């Protein structure tokens, strides 16, 4: 029982005890007064009647007449005349009068007033005695009515007292509730301050809580700042600020493995030729400024196009990843035009070669880099004769001609209606090899002769046709059906476009409410970038789905997670670190330190931390040493089970 409820019951008990005590004491006092007055009335009436009878000189007829007259004029239970020897001479009595007071009340406070007795004489001779007793029903009625009136008044006073006590308790509880919400906010990554209470004891509590929250916020911000510094040291080149070769290639590998991007993408390699000769001729500071100029031109694309990445591969080599279709050649030419304007400021003899390639994302990284290197080599050969800035675009391999939106929509709708969809299952395992849940990306058959295809082939088309919502709802229904069959938890990926659809959440709730048991074993993944851009949608998603038992998480979380502070307010259950952050962690102490710091920060927010795309046993062991909760990826699928 809560403290406030205990106090409320205590106040109620005190009020009831005071009420019962007051009514009891008042009733007992009134009872004693009534009994005394009734006894006095009996005695006085008996004395007055005896005096009247004594004046009748012992005439029995007159005495009987006066006794009858006395009985008829009052509310008496009986009036008796006894002779000198105590024998009954004459008596008048009436039937007992029914009282309006309950029987239990009369039994609880009996009056029992004694009868009045007086001597009757004729001069010096005793004639006898007279006895009388008044009806006590009237006294009981009056006592009962007085008690009821008192009880009504005291109940009214008690109700007012309880209302005042309730208001006072609410006033006291307000700062306590604020302190509780403040503490819960700290767990969710919110560091709000509360207004100090005017109650001295509670004022000390709120002041201490505010100081503690401020201290925790400072520690968290300091930790996040250290992570950002460590991230910059590990992932970024110290001169230019772009990704190092190792980190860029890790992000490049991770981007190729994802199924939430376009079918075709582009890669541009840029090389500043003869860096050594330029250092001797222009001086190292000038060459450093030249390299920073190249990066400034390249950085215009990641700042405007989501998902673009820039990296420094070595001294004068840079790479630009373009997760978009049909822009590689145009981008390379635009870079060349911008460099032709900027490079003359550094004098003659500065040569830059650019090689661009556009390929299907299903091609391995080695094919991408090989094609781009070949284009770069051709551009370098042209530089030897032409000088300046030269661009070469690799020939595209045979890919199908672009298809119209109407055809795409028809294929997607047909795949959904004909049941040409399947969830592929990849395990997420804990340190002991136990299965935590299954990653279940959706595959669709758009062309019968090509079979089921991953999302990388149809998701861009679905996004363009605005069909991601029904497709994601289909994936959820398939997952719920599978969970119902075997009880195993499953995770579904939600497309960024679905998150912005106002009709998605009501339909999703309807599906989940139809299968409440399976809903408690369902996990929903949202990309880090989409969750950060649509934080209000994510907050609403968490508010409505958390009561149903659905767990929410962010996938492909990378270096930008340390700066997505509002993301922690969404009530997430877990975060999946991107393969680009984890790749090669076994051989890189700085990268391992960054991952360990990220895990500590996320754990402080009560979030589970999983790792994606693990391909190497040494990396897996290094990640277990970093205290991750679970791993997934090719190595986990083939070697991560129990006993591995």
Foldseek 3Di string as FASTA:
>chain_A
DDPLVVVLVVLVVVLVVVLVVVLVVVLQVLLVVLLVVQLVVQQVLQAVLLVVQQVVLLDLVVNQVSQVVSPVVAQWQKKFWAFPVRHTDDMDGDDADDAPADPVLCVVRPSPRAWHKDWHHHVPGTGTMMTTGHRCSVVRNVSRVVSVVSSVVSVVVSVVVSVVVVVVSVLVCVLVVVLVVCVLVVLLLDLDQDDARPPVVSNVVSVVSNVVSVVSVVVLVVLLVVLLVLCQVQAADPLQSFGEQLLVVLLLQLVLPDLQFAQKWKKKKKFWPPLVVCCVVQNDVLSSVVQNVLSVLQVVDCVPPPPWGKYAHDDGMIMIIGRDPPCFVVSLVVSLVVCLVVVCVSPPDTAMEMFMEMAGSNDGPVVNVVQRVVQRVVRVVVCVVVNRYGYGYGDYPDDDDDDDLVLLVVLVVCQLVVVQKFWDWFFKAFPQQDTQATETFMWTDSDVVVGTDGSNHNNVSCVVNVNQLVVQVSVVLVQLVVCVVPVGAYEYERHLSNLPDPPRLVVNVVSCVVRLSSQLRYEYEYEPVSCLVPVVSLLVSLVPSVVSNYAYEYECDESCPSVSSSSSNSPHAAYEHGSSLQPPCLPDVSSLVSLLSVCVSVVSSNHAYEYEADDDPSSVVSVVVSVHGIYTHPCCRVPSHRPD
